[in-house]
Amino acid sequence: MSHSASLRSVIGLDGTPPRLAESTLVMIDFQNTYRTGVMALEGAEPALAAGARLLAAARAAGAPVVHVVNDGGEGTPYDIRAEIGAISPEVAPADGEPVVVKGFPDSFHRTDLEKTLRALGSGTDLVLAGFMAHMCVAFTAQGAFNRGYRPTVVAEATATRPLAAPGGGTVSAADLRRASLTAVTDLFGIVVPTVEDLTA
C-alpha cells in the first residue's frame, strides 16, 4: 500500500534525528501509576527499561534532563504525594534535574516547562519519552512544535493501553501507539524506533 507524503516533507522540515548531546531530554509521566492498577499499560515494563537506557545515555552525553509528572490530586492514581504517583525508581531524577508538575496532557500547558528549558539553556531539540504514547507524549510533542521546538520521540520508550473504538470494537495498545506516533511524524516531530537510533 502506498502512503501520502508527510506534512513535514511537504513544507520542508528537517527529518534528521538530533544528537543527544545537543538536545534536552524530557521524561514524561514515568510514574508508578502506569505499572499497576486501573491505568496499567501494555508494555510498560519494557518501555520503562528503554527509558532508563535513554536517561543513562543522555546523562553520559551531558544532555540536560527534565522530568515531568502528572498530578491528579490526592487519592487518585496520579497522586504524586503517594507511591502510586511517584516517578518509577528506575528513572528517578538525579540531584539537580528539575521536575515539572502538570495537570494537562500537554506538558507545556500551564506549567513551568518552557521557563525551565530556558533556564537550562536548552536549544530547540527536545527528546521525548514516557507515558502514554497517545496522550501526554503526543500532546507534548504538539505543544513543543507549536512553541518552536523540534521534538523527537523515542518509540520504544513509550507505551499505552487498549481503548474502545468509536462505533464498537477495541483498538489494541500496539495499534493505538503506532497510530499516535505516526500522527506525530506527519507534522509535529521525528520518531526514532530505539534509543540506539540517537547518536551521543
N, C-alpha and C. Protein backbone atom coordinates (compact mmCIF):
# COMPACT_ATOMS: atom_id res chain seq x y z
N MET A 1 0.85 -1.19 0.00
CA MET A 1 0.00 0.00 0.00
C MET A 1 0.89 1.25 0.00
N SER A 2 0.60 2.17 -0.88
CA SER A 2 1.35 3.42 -0.92
C SER A 2 0.86 4.35 0.18
N HIS A 3 1.66 5.35 0.50
CA HIS A 3 1.26 6.30 1.53
C HIS A 3 1.48 7.72 1.05
N SER A 4 0.78 8.64 1.68
CA SER A 4 0.88 10.05 1.32
C SER A 4 2.18 10.64 1.84
N ALA A 5 2.61 11.71 1.20
CA ALA A 5 3.75 12.47 1.71
C ALA A 5 3.36 13.10 3.04
N SER A 6 4.30 13.13 3.97
CA SER A 6 4.01 13.76 5.26
C SER A 6 3.96 15.28 5.10
N LEU A 7 3.24 15.92 5.99
CA LEU A 7 3.21 17.38 6.00
C LEU A 7 4.62 17.93 6.23
N ARG A 8 5.42 17.25 7.04
CA ARG A 8 6.79 17.69 7.28
C ARG A 8 7.59 17.76 5.99
N SER A 9 7.45 16.72 5.16
CA SER A 9 8.20 16.71 3.90
C SER A 9 7.66 17.74 2.93
N VAL A 10 6.35 17.94 2.93
CA VAL A 10 5.74 18.90 2.01
C VAL A 10 6.23 20.32 2.30
N ILE A 11 6.36 20.66 3.58
CA ILE A 11 6.76 22.03 3.90
C ILE A 11 8.27 22.15 4.16
N GLY A 12 8.99 21.04 4.00
CA GLY A 12 10.45 21.10 4.03
C GLY A 12 11.09 21.08 5.40
N LEU A 13 10.45 20.45 6.39
CA LEU A 13 11.05 20.36 7.71
C LEU A 13 12.10 19.25 7.75
N ASP A 14 13.15 19.48 8.49
CA ASP A 14 14.24 18.52 8.61
C ASP A 14 13.79 17.26 9.35
N GLY A 15 14.14 16.11 8.81
CA GLY A 15 13.78 14.85 9.44
C GLY A 15 14.94 14.13 10.06
N THR A 16 16.07 14.81 10.23
CA THR A 16 17.26 14.18 10.79
C THR A 16 17.18 14.16 12.32
N PRO A 17 17.31 13.00 12.95
CA PRO A 17 17.27 12.96 14.42
C PRO A 17 18.42 13.76 15.02
N PRO A 18 18.19 14.37 16.16
CA PRO A 18 19.24 15.17 16.79
C PRO A 18 20.26 14.30 17.51
N ARG A 19 21.40 14.89 17.85
CA ARG A 19 22.35 14.25 18.74
C ARG A 19 21.90 14.49 20.18
N LEU A 20 22.06 13.46 21.02
CA LEU A 20 21.65 13.61 22.42
C LEU A 20 22.38 14.76 23.10
N ALA A 21 23.67 14.91 22.80
CA ALA A 21 24.47 15.94 23.45
C ALA A 21 24.00 17.34 23.10
N GLU A 22 23.24 17.48 22.03
CA GLU A 22 22.75 18.78 21.60
C GLU A 22 21.26 18.94 21.85
N SER A 23 20.70 18.06 22.70
CA SER A 23 19.27 18.05 22.98
C SER A 23 19.02 18.16 24.47
N THR A 24 17.75 18.35 24.81
CA THR A 24 17.29 18.22 26.20
C THR A 24 16.32 17.06 26.25
N LEU A 25 16.54 16.15 27.18
CA LEU A 25 15.65 15.01 27.36
C LEU A 25 14.50 15.37 28.28
N VAL A 26 13.28 15.12 27.83
CA VAL A 26 12.09 15.35 28.64
C VAL A 26 11.43 13.99 28.91
N MET A 27 11.47 13.58 30.16
CA MET A 27 10.92 12.29 30.60
C MET A 27 9.51 12.53 31.12
N ILE A 28 8.52 12.02 30.40
CA ILE A 28 7.12 12.37 30.65
C ILE A 28 6.37 11.27 31.39
N ASP A 29 5.94 11.56 32.59
CA ASP A 29 5.00 10.70 33.35
C ASP A 29 5.47 9.26 33.50
N PHE A 30 6.74 9.06 33.76
CA PHE A 30 7.22 7.71 34.06
C PHE A 30 6.87 7.40 35.53
N GLN A 31 5.58 7.35 35.79
CA GLN A 31 5.07 7.21 37.16
C GLN A 31 4.58 5.78 37.41
N ASN A 32 4.60 5.38 38.68
CA ASN A 32 4.10 4.05 39.05
C ASN A 32 2.64 3.86 38.67
N THR A 33 1.94 4.95 38.48
CA THR A 33 0.55 4.95 38.01
C THR A 33 0.32 3.94 36.90
N TYR A 34 1.28 3.85 35.98
CA TYR A 34 1.10 3.08 34.75
C TYR A 34 1.64 1.66 34.83
N ARG A 35 2.12 1.26 36.00
CA ARG A 35 2.70 -0.08 36.15
C ARG A 35 1.73 -1.06 36.79
N THR A 36 0.68 -0.55 37.44
CA THR A 36 -0.23 -1.43 38.17
C THR A 36 -1.59 -0.75 38.29
N GLY A 37 -2.61 -1.56 38.54
CA GLY A 37 -3.93 -0.99 38.80
C GLY A 37 -4.68 -0.59 37.54
N VAL A 38 -5.63 0.31 37.71
CA VAL A 38 -6.57 0.66 36.65
C VAL A 38 -5.90 1.28 35.43
N MET A 39 -4.74 1.94 35.61
CA MET A 39 -4.07 2.60 34.50
C MET A 39 -2.86 1.82 33.98
N ALA A 40 -2.70 0.57 34.36
CA ALA A 40 -1.56 -0.22 33.91
C ALA A 40 -1.52 -0.30 32.38
N LEU A 41 -0.35 -0.08 31.82
CA LEU A 41 -0.18 -0.04 30.37
C LEU A 41 0.39 -1.34 29.84
N GLU A 42 -0.02 -1.69 28.65
CA GLU A 42 0.58 -2.82 27.96
C GLU A 42 1.99 -2.40 27.50
N GLY A 43 2.98 -3.16 27.90
CA GLY A 43 4.35 -2.83 27.50
C GLY A 43 5.02 -1.80 28.38
N ALA A 44 4.44 -1.53 29.56
CA ALA A 44 5.02 -0.51 30.43
C ALA A 44 6.43 -0.87 30.88
N GLU A 45 6.66 -2.14 31.22
CA GLU A 45 7.97 -2.52 31.76
C GLU A 45 9.09 -2.42 30.72
N PRO A 46 8.91 -2.96 29.50
CA PRO A 46 9.97 -2.76 28.51
C PRO A 46 10.16 -1.29 28.12
N ALA A 47 9.08 -0.52 28.12
CA ALA A 47 9.21 0.91 27.82
C ALA A 47 9.98 1.62 28.92
N LEU A 48 9.73 1.23 30.16
CA LEU A 48 10.45 1.81 31.28
C LEU A 48 11.93 1.45 31.22
N ALA A 49 12.23 0.21 30.86
CA ALA A 49 13.63 -0.20 30.72
C ALA A 49 14.32 0.60 29.62
N ALA A 50 13.60 0.84 28.52
CA ALA A 50 14.16 1.67 27.45
C ALA A 50 14.35 3.10 27.92
N GLY A 51 13.40 3.60 28.71
CA GLY A 51 13.53 4.94 29.27
C GLY A 51 14.75 5.07 30.17
N ALA A 52 15.03 4.02 30.93
CA ALA A 52 16.21 4.03 31.79
C ALA A 52 17.50 4.06 30.96
N ARG A 53 17.53 3.32 29.86
CA ARG A 53 18.69 3.33 28.97
C ARG A 53 18.86 4.71 28.33
N LEU A 54 17.75 5.30 27.92
CA LEU A 54 17.78 6.63 27.31
C LEU A 54 18.28 7.66 28.31
N LEU A 55 17.79 7.58 29.53
CA LEU A 55 18.20 8.51 30.57
C LEU A 55 19.70 8.39 30.84
N ALA A 56 20.19 7.16 30.91
CA ALA A 56 21.62 6.95 31.15
C ALA A 56 22.45 7.51 30.00
N ALA A 57 21.97 7.30 28.78
CA ALA A 57 22.70 7.80 27.60
C ALA A 57 22.72 9.32 27.57
N ALA A 58 21.60 9.95 27.92
CA ALA A 58 21.54 11.41 27.93
C ALA A 58 22.48 11.98 28.99
N ARG A 59 22.48 11.38 30.17
CA ARG A 59 23.37 11.85 31.23
C ARG A 59 24.83 11.68 30.80
N ALA A 60 25.16 10.54 30.18
CA ALA A 60 26.53 10.30 29.74
C ALA A 60 26.95 11.31 28.68
N ALA A 61 25.99 11.75 27.85
CA ALA A 61 26.28 12.72 26.79
C ALA A 61 26.30 14.16 27.30
N GLY A 62 25.94 14.34 28.56
CA GLY A 62 25.92 15.69 29.13
C GLY A 62 24.69 16.49 28.78
N ALA A 63 23.63 15.81 28.35
CA ALA A 63 22.40 16.50 27.97
C ALA A 63 21.59 16.89 29.21
N PRO A 64 20.98 18.06 29.21
CA PRO A 64 20.07 18.41 30.30
C PRO A 64 18.87 17.46 30.31
N VAL A 65 18.35 17.21 31.50
CA VAL A 65 17.20 16.30 31.66
C VAL A 65 16.13 17.01 32.48
N VAL A 66 14.89 16.92 32.00
CA VAL A 66 13.74 17.44 32.75
C VAL A 66 12.75 16.29 32.92
N HIS A 67 12.26 16.12 34.14
CA HIS A 67 11.23 15.12 34.42
C HIS A 67 9.89 15.82 34.55
N VAL A 68 8.85 15.20 34.00
CA VAL A 68 7.50 15.75 34.10
C VAL A 68 6.62 14.72 34.78
N VAL A 69 5.78 15.18 35.71
CA VAL A 69 4.81 14.29 36.36
C VAL A 69 3.43 14.90 36.29
N ASN A 70 2.44 14.03 36.21
CA ASN A 70 1.05 14.47 36.20
C ASN A 70 0.48 14.34 37.60
N ASP A 71 -0.08 15.42 38.12
CA ASP A 71 -0.68 15.41 39.45
C ASP A 71 -2.19 15.46 39.32
N GLY A 72 -2.83 14.34 39.65
CA GLY A 72 -4.29 14.28 39.57
C GLY A 72 -4.98 14.56 40.88
N GLY A 73 -4.19 14.82 41.94
CA GLY A 73 -4.79 15.12 43.24
C GLY A 73 -4.77 13.92 44.18
N GLU A 74 -4.97 14.20 45.43
CA GLU A 74 -4.91 13.16 46.46
C GLU A 74 -5.96 12.08 46.21
N GLY A 75 -5.55 10.84 46.41
CA GLY A 75 -6.47 9.72 46.29
C GLY A 75 -6.67 9.21 44.89
N THR A 76 -6.04 9.86 43.89
CA THR A 76 -6.18 9.41 42.50
C THR A 76 -4.97 8.54 42.12
N PRO A 77 -5.05 7.84 40.99
CA PRO A 77 -3.87 7.09 40.54
C PRO A 77 -2.70 7.99 40.17
N TYR A 78 -2.95 9.30 40.10
CA TYR A 78 -1.92 10.28 39.76
C TYR A 78 -1.53 11.14 40.97
N ASP A 79 -1.68 10.59 42.15
CA ASP A 79 -1.36 11.33 43.37
C ASP A 79 0.16 11.32 43.57
N ILE A 80 0.82 12.44 43.28
CA ILE A 80 2.28 12.49 43.35
C ILE A 80 2.78 12.52 44.79
N ARG A 81 1.87 12.64 45.76
CA ARG A 81 2.25 12.59 47.17
C ARG A 81 2.29 11.15 47.68
N ALA A 82 1.83 10.21 46.85
CA ALA A 82 1.75 8.80 47.24
C ALA A 82 2.65 7.95 46.33
N GLU A 83 2.89 6.74 46.74
CA GLU A 83 3.76 5.84 45.97
C GLU A 83 3.20 5.60 44.57
N ILE A 84 1.88 5.52 44.43
CA ILE A 84 1.27 5.23 43.13
C ILE A 84 1.61 6.31 42.09
N GLY A 85 1.76 7.55 42.52
CA GLY A 85 2.03 8.63 41.57
C GLY A 85 3.48 9.04 41.49
N ALA A 86 4.34 8.33 42.22
CA ALA A 86 5.77 8.67 42.22
C ALA A 86 6.44 8.27 40.91
N ILE A 87 7.53 8.95 40.58
CA ILE A 87 8.34 8.55 39.44
C ILE A 87 8.97 7.20 39.75
N SER A 88 8.92 6.29 38.79
CA SER A 88 9.47 4.95 38.99
C SER A 88 10.96 5.04 39.32
N PRO A 89 11.42 4.24 40.26
CA PRO A 89 12.81 4.37 40.72
C PRO A 89 13.86 4.15 39.64
N GLU A 90 13.52 3.37 38.61
CA GLU A 90 14.47 3.11 37.53
C GLU A 90 14.86 4.39 36.77
N VAL A 91 13.99 5.39 36.82
CA VAL A 91 14.25 6.64 36.09
C VAL A 91 14.11 7.85 37.02
N ALA A 92 14.41 7.64 38.29
CA ALA A 92 14.27 8.71 39.27
C ALA A 92 15.21 9.88 38.94
N PRO A 93 14.77 11.10 39.21
CA PRO A 93 15.62 12.26 38.95
C PRO A 93 16.90 12.23 39.77
N ALA A 94 17.99 12.62 39.15
CA ALA A 94 19.25 12.82 39.86
C ALA A 94 19.25 14.20 40.49
N ASP A 95 20.15 14.42 41.41
CA ASP A 95 20.27 15.74 42.03
C ASP A 95 20.45 16.81 40.95
N GLY A 96 19.65 17.85 41.04
CA GLY A 96 19.76 18.96 40.10
C GLY A 96 18.89 18.83 38.87
N GLU A 97 18.30 17.66 38.63
CA GLU A 97 17.40 17.51 37.48
C GLU A 97 16.00 17.98 37.86
N PRO A 98 15.49 19.01 37.20
CA PRO A 98 14.20 19.58 37.60
C PRO A 98 13.03 18.66 37.32
N VAL A 99 12.00 18.80 38.14
CA VAL A 99 10.74 18.08 37.97
C VAL A 99 9.63 19.10 37.77
N VAL A 100 8.93 18.99 36.66
CA VAL A 100 7.82 19.89 36.33
C VAL A 100 6.51 19.15 36.58
N VAL A 101 5.60 19.78 37.30
CA VAL A 101 4.30 19.19 37.61
C VAL A 101 3.26 19.76 36.66
N LYS A 102 2.46 18.88 36.08
CA LYS A 102 1.43 19.31 35.13
C LYS A 102 0.07 18.75 35.51
N GLY A 103 -0.96 19.29 34.86
CA GLY A 103 -2.31 18.81 35.07
C GLY A 103 -3.06 18.58 33.78
N PHE A 104 -2.36 18.71 32.65
CA PHE A 104 -2.95 18.53 31.33
C PHE A 104 -2.03 17.65 30.48
N PRO A 105 -2.54 17.06 29.41
CA PRO A 105 -1.70 16.20 28.58
C PRO A 105 -0.49 16.91 27.97
N ASP A 106 -0.65 18.16 27.57
CA ASP A 106 0.47 18.93 27.02
C ASP A 106 1.33 19.43 28.19
N SER A 107 2.56 18.94 28.26
CA SER A 107 3.44 19.28 29.39
C SER A 107 3.79 20.76 29.46
N PHE A 108 3.51 21.50 28.39
CA PHE A 108 3.78 22.94 28.38
C PHE A 108 2.61 23.75 28.94
N HIS A 109 1.40 23.17 28.93
CA HIS A 109 0.20 23.93 29.25
C HIS A 109 0.10 24.21 30.74
N ARG A 110 0.15 25.50 31.10
CA ARG A 110 0.03 25.96 32.47
C ARG A 110 1.08 25.32 33.39
N THR A 111 2.29 25.17 32.88
CA THR A 111 3.40 24.65 33.67
C THR A 111 4.62 25.56 33.52
N ASP A 112 5.68 25.21 34.24
CA ASP A 112 6.94 25.93 34.16
C ASP A 112 7.91 25.27 33.19
N LEU A 113 7.44 24.38 32.31
CA LEU A 113 8.36 23.63 31.46
C LEU A 113 9.18 24.55 30.57
N GLU A 114 8.53 25.48 29.88
CA GLU A 114 9.28 26.35 28.97
C GLU A 114 10.27 27.23 29.74
N LYS A 115 9.86 27.73 30.88
CA LYS A 115 10.76 28.52 31.73
C LYS A 115 11.94 27.67 32.18
N THR A 116 11.68 26.42 32.51
CA THR A 116 12.73 25.50 32.95
C THR A 116 13.71 25.23 31.81
N LEU A 117 13.20 25.02 30.61
CA LEU A 117 14.07 24.79 29.46
C LEU A 117 14.96 25.99 29.19
N ARG A 118 14.41 27.17 29.31
CA ARG A 118 15.20 28.39 29.11
C ARG A 118 16.31 28.50 30.16
N ALA A 119 15.96 28.17 31.41
CA ALA A 119 16.95 28.25 32.49
C ALA A 119 18.09 27.25 32.29
N LEU A 120 17.79 26.13 31.65
CA LEU A 120 18.82 25.13 31.37
C LEU A 120 19.65 25.48 30.14
N GLY A 121 19.23 26.52 29.42
CA GLY A 121 19.93 26.88 28.19
C GLY A 121 19.64 25.94 27.04
N SER A 122 18.47 25.30 27.08
CA SER A 122 18.11 24.33 26.04
C SER A 122 17.94 25.00 24.69
N GLY A 123 18.34 24.28 23.66
CA GLY A 123 18.09 24.72 22.30
C GLY A 123 16.73 24.24 21.84
N THR A 124 16.56 24.14 20.54
CA THR A 124 15.24 23.74 20.02
C THR A 124 15.01 22.24 20.02
N ASP A 125 16.08 21.44 20.10
CA ASP A 125 15.92 19.98 20.03
C ASP A 125 15.54 19.40 21.39
N LEU A 126 14.39 18.75 21.42
CA LEU A 126 13.92 18.04 22.61
C LEU A 126 13.75 16.57 22.27
N VAL A 127 14.18 15.70 23.15
CA VAL A 127 13.94 14.27 23.01
C VAL A 127 12.89 13.88 24.05
N LEU A 128 11.82 13.27 23.60
CA LEU A 128 10.69 12.94 24.46
C LEU A 128 10.54 11.43 24.62
N ALA A 129 10.16 11.02 25.82
CA ALA A 129 9.85 9.62 26.10
C ALA A 129 8.87 9.58 27.25
N GLY A 130 8.08 8.50 27.35
CA GLY A 130 7.21 8.37 28.51
C GLY A 130 5.84 7.81 28.21
N PHE A 131 4.94 8.11 29.11
CA PHE A 131 3.59 7.54 29.10
C PHE A 131 2.55 8.67 29.05
N MET A 132 1.41 8.52 28.37
CA MET A 132 1.10 7.46 27.43
C MET A 132 1.38 7.98 26.02
N ALA A 133 1.68 7.06 25.12
CA ALA A 133 2.05 7.46 23.76
C ALA A 133 0.97 8.29 23.09
N HIS A 134 -0.29 7.89 23.26
CA HIS A 134 -1.38 8.57 22.53
C HIS A 134 -1.85 9.84 23.23
N MET A 135 -1.38 10.05 24.45
CA MET A 135 -1.91 11.16 25.24
C MET A 135 -0.80 12.17 25.54
N CYS A 136 -0.11 12.04 26.65
CA CYS A 136 0.82 13.08 27.08
C CYS A 136 2.06 13.18 26.21
N VAL A 137 2.53 12.06 25.66
CA VAL A 137 3.68 12.13 24.75
C VAL A 137 3.29 12.85 23.47
N ALA A 138 2.19 12.43 22.86
CA ALA A 138 1.76 13.04 21.60
C ALA A 138 1.41 14.52 21.78
N PHE A 139 0.71 14.86 22.86
CA PHE A 139 0.30 16.25 23.04
C PHE A 139 1.47 17.13 23.46
N THR A 140 2.45 16.57 24.14
CA THR A 140 3.64 17.35 24.45
C THR A 140 4.47 17.59 23.19
N ALA A 141 4.53 16.60 22.30
CA ALA A 141 5.21 16.81 21.02
C ALA A 141 4.53 17.94 20.25
N GLN A 142 3.21 17.93 20.23
CA GLN A 142 2.47 19.00 19.54
C GLN A 142 2.72 20.35 20.22
N GLY A 143 2.67 20.37 21.56
CA GLY A 143 2.91 21.61 22.28
C GLY A 143 4.31 22.15 22.03
N ALA A 144 5.29 21.24 21.97
CA ALA A 144 6.66 21.66 21.68
C ALA A 144 6.76 22.27 20.29
N PHE A 145 6.19 21.59 19.32
CA PHE A 145 6.21 22.08 17.93
C PHE A 145 5.56 23.46 17.85
N ASN A 146 4.43 23.62 18.51
CA ASN A 146 3.70 24.89 18.46
C ASN A 146 4.50 26.04 19.06
N ARG A 147 5.47 25.71 19.90
CA ARG A 147 6.28 26.74 20.55
C ARG A 147 7.66 26.89 19.92
N GLY A 148 7.86 26.26 18.77
CA GLY A 148 9.09 26.44 18.04
C GLY A 148 10.20 25.45 18.34
N TYR A 149 9.89 24.42 19.13
CA TYR A 149 10.87 23.38 19.40
C TYR A 149 10.81 22.30 18.31
N ARG A 150 11.83 21.45 18.29
CA ARG A 150 11.90 20.33 17.35
C ARG A 150 11.94 19.03 18.16
N PRO A 151 10.76 18.47 18.44
CA PRO A 151 10.72 17.27 19.29
C PRO A 151 11.01 15.99 18.53
N THR A 152 11.67 15.08 19.22
CA THR A 152 11.91 13.73 18.71
C THR A 152 11.44 12.74 19.78
N VAL A 153 10.59 11.81 19.40
CA VAL A 153 10.06 10.80 20.33
C VAL A 153 10.82 9.49 20.12
N VAL A 154 11.22 8.87 21.21
CA VAL A 154 11.86 7.55 21.16
C VAL A 154 10.76 6.51 21.36
N ALA A 155 10.38 5.81 20.29
CA ALA A 155 9.20 4.96 20.30
C ALA A 155 9.26 3.85 21.34
N GLU A 156 10.40 3.18 21.46
CA GLU A 156 10.46 2.05 22.38
C GLU A 156 10.35 2.47 23.84
N ALA A 157 10.52 3.74 24.11
CA ALA A 157 10.40 4.26 25.48
C ALA A 157 9.03 4.89 25.70
N THR A 158 8.01 4.38 24.99
CA THR A 158 6.62 4.81 25.18
C THR A 158 5.74 3.58 25.27
N ALA A 159 4.56 3.75 25.81
CA ALA A 159 3.58 2.67 25.88
C ALA A 159 2.20 3.28 26.04
N THR A 160 1.18 2.46 25.80
CA THR A 160 -0.18 2.92 26.02
C THR A 160 -1.06 1.73 26.36
N ARG A 161 -2.38 1.87 26.22
CA ARG A 161 -3.30 0.81 26.62
C ARG A 161 -4.38 0.65 25.56
N PRO A 162 -5.03 -0.52 25.48
CA PRO A 162 -6.11 -0.68 24.52
C PRO A 162 -7.32 0.15 24.92
N LEU A 163 -8.02 0.68 23.90
CA LEU A 163 -9.19 1.52 24.17
C LEU A 163 -10.37 1.10 23.30
N ALA A 164 -11.57 1.40 23.78
CA ALA A 164 -12.77 1.15 22.99
C ALA A 164 -12.77 2.08 21.78
N ALA A 165 -13.09 1.53 20.62
CA ALA A 165 -13.13 2.32 19.39
C ALA A 165 -14.51 2.91 19.18
N PRO A 166 -14.60 4.11 18.61
CA PRO A 166 -15.90 4.66 18.27
C PRO A 166 -16.63 3.70 17.32
N GLY A 167 -17.87 3.42 17.62
CA GLY A 167 -18.64 2.52 16.77
C GLY A 167 -18.51 1.06 17.13
N GLY A 168 -17.71 0.77 18.14
CA GLY A 168 -17.57 -0.62 18.60
C GLY A 168 -16.20 -1.21 18.35
N GLY A 169 -15.92 -2.27 19.07
CA GLY A 169 -14.63 -2.93 18.94
C GLY A 169 -13.57 -2.27 19.83
N THR A 170 -12.37 -2.79 19.72
CA THR A 170 -11.26 -2.32 20.54
C THR A 170 -10.06 -2.01 19.67
N VAL A 171 -9.42 -0.90 19.94
CA VAL A 171 -8.14 -0.57 19.32
C VAL A 171 -7.05 -1.09 20.24
N SER A 172 -6.23 -1.99 19.74
CA SER A 172 -5.19 -2.58 20.57
C SER A 172 -4.18 -1.51 20.98
N ALA A 173 -3.48 -1.77 22.07
CA ALA A 173 -2.44 -0.84 22.52
C ALA A 173 -1.38 -0.66 21.45
N ALA A 174 -1.01 -1.74 20.79
CA ALA A 174 0.02 -1.65 19.75
C ALA A 174 -0.43 -0.78 18.59
N ASP A 175 -1.69 -0.96 18.17
CA ASP A 175 -2.21 -0.16 17.05
C ASP A 175 -2.37 1.30 17.44
N LEU A 176 -2.83 1.55 18.67
CA LEU A 176 -3.02 2.92 19.12
C LEU A 176 -1.67 3.64 19.23
N ARG A 177 -0.68 2.94 19.76
CA ARG A 177 0.65 3.52 19.88
C ARG A 177 1.23 3.83 18.50
N ARG A 178 1.08 2.90 17.59
CA ARG A 178 1.61 3.10 16.22
C ARG A 178 0.92 4.27 15.53
N ALA A 179 -0.41 4.33 15.64
CA ALA A 179 -1.15 5.42 15.01
C ALA A 179 -0.79 6.77 15.64
N SER A 180 -0.65 6.80 16.94
CA SER A 180 -0.34 8.05 17.63
C SER A 180 1.03 8.57 17.24
N LEU A 181 2.02 7.69 17.19
CA LEU A 181 3.36 8.11 16.81
C LEU A 181 3.43 8.47 15.33
N THR A 182 2.63 7.80 14.52
CA THR A 182 2.56 8.16 13.10
C THR A 182 1.99 9.57 12.93
N ALA A 183 0.98 9.90 13.73
CA ALA A 183 0.42 11.25 13.68
C ALA A 183 1.48 12.29 14.06
N VAL A 184 2.32 11.98 15.03
CA VAL A 184 3.40 12.88 15.39
C VAL A 184 4.32 13.12 14.19
N THR A 185 4.67 12.03 13.49
CA THR A 185 5.62 12.15 12.37
C THR A 185 5.05 12.92 11.18
N ASP A 186 3.74 13.03 11.10
CA ASP A 186 3.17 13.75 9.96
C ASP A 186 3.54 15.23 10.01
N LEU A 187 3.63 15.81 11.22
CA LEU A 187 3.94 17.23 11.31
C LEU A 187 4.78 17.60 12.53
N PHE A 188 4.39 17.11 13.70
CA PHE A 188 4.88 17.70 14.93
C PHE A 188 6.32 17.33 15.29
N GLY A 189 6.79 16.18 14.85
CA GLY A 189 8.13 15.81 15.25
C GLY A 189 8.66 14.59 14.53
N ILE A 190 9.83 14.18 14.99
CA ILE A 190 10.52 13.00 14.47
C ILE A 190 10.28 11.86 15.45
N VAL A 191 10.17 10.65 14.96
CA VAL A 191 10.09 9.47 15.81
C VAL A 191 11.20 8.51 15.42
N VAL A 192 12.00 8.11 16.41
CA VAL A 192 13.02 7.09 16.17
C VAL A 192 12.59 5.82 16.89
N PRO A 193 12.86 4.63 16.31
CA PRO A 193 12.38 3.40 16.92
C PRO A 193 13.01 3.08 18.27
N THR A 194 14.33 3.27 18.40
CA THR A 194 15.01 2.83 19.60
C THR A 194 15.96 3.90 20.13
N VAL A 195 16.40 3.69 21.35
CA VAL A 195 17.40 4.59 21.96
C VAL A 195 18.66 4.64 21.11
N GLU A 196 19.04 3.49 20.59
CA GLU A 196 20.28 3.40 19.81
C GLU A 196 20.23 4.16 18.48
N ASP A 197 19.04 4.58 18.08
CA ASP A 197 18.92 5.37 16.85
C ASP A 197 19.32 6.83 17.06
N LEU A 198 19.59 7.19 18.30
CA LEU A 198 20.10 8.54 18.60
C LEU A 198 21.59 8.45 18.89
N THR A 199 22.38 9.24 18.20
CA THR A 199 23.81 9.27 18.47
C THR A 199 24.08 10.21 19.64
N ALA A 200 25.15 9.89 20.36
CA ALA A 200 25.50 10.72 21.50
C ALA A 200 25.98 12.09 21.04
